[in-house]
C-alpha atoms as a PDB file:
ATOM      1  CA  MET A   1      62.283 -70.384 149.839  1.00  0.00           C
ATOM      2  CA  SER A   2      61.464 -73.998 148.898  1.00  0.00           C
ATOM      3  CA  ASP A   3      64.078 -76.214 148.221  1.00  0.00           C
ATOM      4  CA  ASP A   4      63.893 -76.462 144.126  1.00  0.00           C
ATOM      5  CA  GLU A   5      63.433 -72.717 144.051  1.00  0.00           C
ATOM      6  CA  SER A   6      66.501 -72.644 146.126  1.00  0.00           C
ATOM      7  CA  TYR A   7      70.149 -70.970 145.642  1.00  0.00           C
ATOM      8  CA  GLU A   8      74.169 -71.509 145.499  1.00  0.00           C
ATOM      9  CA  LEU A   9      76.060 -68.538 147.049  1.00  0.00           C
ATOM     10  CA  LEU A  10      79.604 -68.798 145.615  1.00  0.00           C
ATOM     11  CA  GLY A  11      81.162 -65.648 146.871  1.00  0.00           C
ATOM     12  CA  PHE A  12      81.756 -61.740 146.471  1.00  0.00           C
ATOM     13  CA  ASP A  13      81.370 -59.949 142.851  1.00  0.00           C
ATOM     14  CA  ASN A  14      82.168 -55.897 144.177  1.00  0.00           C
ATOM     15  CA  VAL A  15      81.607 -54.358 147.238  1.00  0.00           C
ATOM     16  CA  LEU A  16      79.772 -50.685 146.237  1.00  0.00           C
ATOM     17  CA  LEU A  17      80.747 -47.718 147.851  1.00  0.00           C
ATOM     18  CA  PRO A  18      79.221 -44.719 146.735  1.00  0.00           C
ATOM     19  CA  VAL A  19      81.213 -41.264 146.433  1.00  0.00           C
ATOM     20  CA  GLY A  20      80.628 -37.839 145.544  1.00  0.00           C
ATOM     21  CA  ASP A  21      83.808 -36.892 143.697  1.00  0.00           C
ATOM     22  CA  LEU A  22      85.393 -40.397 141.139  1.00  0.00           C
ATOM     23  CA  GLY A  23      88.654 -39.071 141.116  1.00  0.00           C
ATOM     24  CA  GLU A  24      89.110 -37.564 144.400  1.00  0.00           C
ATOM     25  CA  ALA A  25      88.163 -40.909 145.565  1.00  0.00           C
ATOM     26  CA  VAL A  26      90.261 -42.955 143.488  1.00  0.00           C
ATOM     27  CA  GLY A  27      92.716 -40.677 144.979  1.00  0.00           C
ATOM     28  CA  PHE A  28      92.178 -41.245 147.870  1.00  0.00           C
ATOM     29  CA  TYR A  29      92.912 -44.892 147.210  1.00  0.00           C
ATOM     30  CA  GLU A  30      95.452 -44.672 145.847  1.00  0.00           C
ATOM     31  CA  ARG A  31      97.143 -42.441 148.948  1.00  0.00           C
ATOM     32  CA  ALA A  32      95.658 -46.146 151.355  1.00  0.00           C
ATOM     33  CA  GLY A  33      97.356 -47.749 149.112  1.00  0.00           C
ATOM     34  CA  PHE A  34      94.493 -49.574 146.594  1.00  0.00           C
ATOM     35  CA  PRO A  35      96.018 -49.629 142.750  1.00  0.00           C
ATOM     36  CA  VAL A  36      93.463 -49.437 140.251  1.00  0.00           C
ATOM     37  CA  ALA A  37      91.675 -52.045 138.632  1.00  0.00           C
ATOM     38  CA  PHE A  38      89.555 -50.040 135.596  1.00  0.00           C
ATOM     39  CA  ARG A  39      87.992 -46.391 135.788  1.00  0.00           C
ATOM     40  CA  LEU A  40      85.073 -45.477 133.855  1.00  0.00           C
ATOM     41  CA  ASP A  41      84.555 -42.483 133.822  1.00  0.00           C
ATOM     42  CA  GLU A  42      81.715 -42.022 131.448  1.00  0.00           C
ATOM     43  CA  ALA A  43      80.128 -44.605 133.789  1.00  0.00           C
ATOM     44  CA  GLY A  44      81.176 -42.828 136.741  1.00  0.00           C
ATOM     45  CA  ILE A  45      82.950 -46.206 138.421  1.00  0.00           C
ATOM     46  CA  ALA A  46      86.323 -47.488 139.470  1.00  0.00           C
ATOM     47  CA  LEU A  47      86.961 -51.110 140.356  1.00  0.00           C
ATOM     48  CA  LEU A  48      90.091 -51.124 143.182  1.00  0.00           C
ATOM     49  CA  LYS A  49      92.101 -54.190 143.642  1.00  0.00           C
ATOM     50  CA  VAL A  50      91.929 -56.681 146.893  1.00  0.00           C
ATOM     51  CA  GLY A  51      94.906 -58.704 146.764  1.00  0.00           C
ATOM     52  CA  LYS A  52      94.591 -61.119 143.460  1.00  0.00           C
ATOM     53  CA  GLU A  53      90.982 -61.975 143.819  1.00  0.00           C
ATOM     54  CA  THR A  54      88.530 -60.558 140.825  1.00  0.00           C
ATOM     55  CA  PRO A  55      86.106 -58.419 142.978  1.00  0.00           C
ATOM     56  CA  GLY A  56      86.892 -55.598 144.546  1.00  0.00           C
ATOM     57  CA  LEU A  57      85.596 -52.249 145.913  1.00  0.00           C
ATOM     58  CA  LEU A  58      83.424 -50.663 142.878  1.00  0.00           C
ATOM     59  CA  LEU A  59      83.700 -46.673 143.879  1.00  0.00           C
ATOM     60  CA  ARG A  60      80.355 -44.884 141.870  1.00  0.00           C
ATOM     61  CA  ALA A  61      79.955 -41.997 141.974  1.00  0.00           C
ATOM     62  CA  GLU A  62      76.669 -40.429 143.312  1.00  0.00           C
ATOM     63  CA  GLU A  63      76.425 -37.257 142.295  1.00  0.00           C
ATOM     64  CA  GLU A  64      73.573 -36.102 144.474  1.00  0.00           C
ATOM     65  CA  PHE A  65      75.631 -37.556 146.887  1.00  0.00           C
ATOM     66  CA  GLY A  66      77.929 -34.240 147.054  1.00  0.00           C
ATOM     67  CA  ARG A  67      80.801 -34.746 149.557  1.00  0.00           C
ATOM     68  CA  ARG A  68      78.559 -35.822 152.825  1.00  0.00           C
ATOM     69  CA  PRO A  69      78.260 -38.833 154.841  1.00  0.00           C
ATOM     70  CA  PRO A  70      75.873 -40.924 154.296  1.00  0.00           C
ATOM     71  CA  LEU A  71      72.014 -40.650 155.690  1.00  0.00           C
ATOM     72  CA  TRP A  72      73.026 -43.979 157.540  1.00  0.00           C
ATOM     73  CA  PRO A  73      74.967 -46.338 159.428  1.00  0.00           C
ATOM     74  CA  SER A  74      77.482 -46.478 156.695  1.00  0.00           C
ATOM     75  CA  ALA A  75      78.511 -50.774 157.245  1.00  0.00           C
ATOM     76  CA  ARG A  76      82.295 -52.203 157.573  1.00  0.00           C
ATOM     77  CA  VAL A  77      83.859 -53.566 155.312  1.00  0.00           C
ATOM     78  CA  TRP A  78      87.152 -55.758 156.375  1.00  0.00           C
ATOM     79  CA  LEU A  79      90.277 -57.359 154.202  1.00  0.00           C
ATOM     80  CA  GLU A  80      92.766 -58.848 155.861  1.00  0.00           C
ATOM     81  CA  VAL A  81      96.560 -57.580 155.998  1.00  0.00           C
ATOM     82  CA  ALA A  82      99.923 -58.648 157.081  1.00  0.00           C
ATOM     83  CA  ASP A  83     100.338 -57.238 159.726  1.00  0.00           C
ATOM     84  CA  ALA A  84      97.350 -54.056 160.815  1.00  0.00           C
ATOM     85  CA  ARG A  85     100.009 -51.558 162.533  1.00  0.00           C
ATOM     86  CA  GLU A  86     102.525 -51.617 159.628  1.00  0.00           C
ATOM     87  CA  ALA A  87      99.537 -51.139 157.372  1.00  0.00           C
ATOM     88  CA  ALA A  88      98.388 -47.512 160.369  1.00  0.00           C
ATOM     89  CA  ALA A  89     101.804 -46.230 159.790  1.00  0.00           C
ATOM     90  CA  ALA A  90     101.055 -46.623 156.703  1.00  0.00           C
ATOM     91  CA  LEU A  91      98.372 -45.161 155.883  1.00  0.00           C
ATOM     92  CA  ARG A  92      99.297 -41.990 158.526  1.00  0.00           C
ATOM     93  CA  ALA A  93     102.319 -41.694 156.441  1.00  0.00           C
ATOM     94  CA  ALA A  94     100.434 -41.207 152.952  1.00  0.00           C
ATOM     95  CA  GLY A  95      97.914 -38.903 155.091  1.00  0.00           C
ATOM     96  CA  VAL A  96      94.740 -40.554 155.896  1.00  0.00           C
ATOM     97  CA  GLY A  97      94.207 -40.591 158.892  1.00  0.00           C
ATOM     98  CA  PRO A  98      92.988 -44.041 160.340  1.00  0.00           C
ATOM     99  CA  LEU A  99      89.104 -43.350 162.625  1.00  0.00           C
ATOM    100  CA  ASP A 100      91.682 -44.663 165.974  1.00  0.00           C
ATOM    101  CA  GLU A 101      94.431 -46.847 166.744  1.00  0.00           C
ATOM    102  CA  PRO A 102      95.237 -50.332 165.483  1.00  0.00           C
ATOM    103  CA  PHE A 103      92.852 -52.574 168.537  1.00  0.00           C
ATOM    104  CA  SER A 104      92.881 -55.669 169.053  1.00  0.00           C
ATOM    105  CA  VAL A 105      90.026 -58.578 167.890  1.00  0.00           C
ATOM    106  CA  ALA A 106      89.945 -61.907 167.891  1.00  0.00           C
ATOM    107  CA  THR A 107      92.103 -63.197 165.194  1.00  0.00           C
ATOM    108  CA  GLY A 108      94.697 -60.409 165.468  1.00  0.00           C
ATOM    109  CA  TRP A 109      94.414 -56.203 165.238  1.00  0.00           C
ATOM    110  CA  THR A 110      92.389 -54.556 162.981  1.00  0.00           C
ATOM    111  CA  VAL A 111      93.320 -50.458 161.937  1.00  0.00           C
ATOM    112  CA  GLU A 112      89.357 -48.639 160.555  1.00  0.00           C
ATOM    113  CA  PHE A 113      89.814 -45.802 158.387  1.00  0.00           C
ATOM    114  CA  ALA A 114      86.530 -43.385 156.573  1.00  0.00           C
ATOM    115  CA  ASP A 115      86.950 -41.742 152.950  1.00  0.00           C
ATOM    116  CA  PRO A 116      85.086 -37.743 152.383  1.00  0.00           C
ATOM    117  CA  TRP A 117      82.311 -39.838 152.275  1.00  0.00           C
ATOM    118  CA  GLY A 118      81.942 -41.972 154.948  1.00  0.00           C
ATOM    119  CA  ASN A 119      82.325 -45.251 153.646  1.00  0.00           C
ATOM    120  CA  VAL A 120      84.789 -47.833 156.389  1.00  0.00           C
ATOM    121  CA  VAL A 121      86.741 -49.853 155.365  1.00  0.00           C
ATOM    122  CA  GLY A 122      88.972 -51.894 158.015  1.00  0.00           C
ATOM    123  CA  LEU A 123      92.430 -53.626 157.410  1.00  0.00           C
ATOM    124  CA  THR A 124      92.468 -56.562 159.751  1.00  0.00           C
ATOM    125  CA  ASP A 125      95.369 -59.121 160.513  1.00  0.00           C
ATOM    126  CA  TYR A 126      95.515 -62.823 161.528  1.00  0.00           C
ATOM    127  CA  THR A 127      98.262 -62.288 163.344  1.00  0.00           C
ATOM    128  CA  ARG A 128      97.236 -64.357 166.336  1.00  0.00           C
ATOM    129  CA  ARG A 129      95.180 -66.727 164.647  1.00  0.00           C
ATOM    130  CA  PRO A 130      97.017 -67.218 161.543  1.00  0.00           C
ATOM    131  CA  GLU A 131      95.687 -70.762 160.549  1.00  0.00           C
ATOM    132  CA  LEU A 132      92.547 -68.538 159.436  1.00  0.00           C
ATOM    133  CA  GLY A 133      94.718 -66.451 157.190  1.00  0.00           C
ATOM    134  CA  ARG A 134      94.992 -66.753 153.365  1.00  0.00           C
ATOM    135  CA  ARG A 135      98.788 -66.606 153.784  1.00  0.00           C
ATOM    136  CA  SER A 136      98.333 -70.037 156.093  1.00  0.00           C
END
């Protein structure tokens, strides 16, 4: 692409996660602590809020998807939280089992969980590098 054909990336719109059953997916993510911004069953979509940002996680029902992991390796979406270890405890208390124990990363800690369709969401904190976090 030449300079006169370039464009500027302004930020995220939404991250789409394919799911086999919209109602089940909304219930799962609500238990995991995600508030619903809106839900349009007739369109097969629901938007989950992520903090005060306008973009969110967009659940999209894919009927042929069923209740199985995708045939391809899933991408991982990591979202910032104040304390990933506290988030792991809250997930367990809500019946959402993390994939593993929280693990150390350069900025702090991360815990990951997967929905019934194999989408992986990570909750990561900046406890080691607070100056890089949203609350600095």
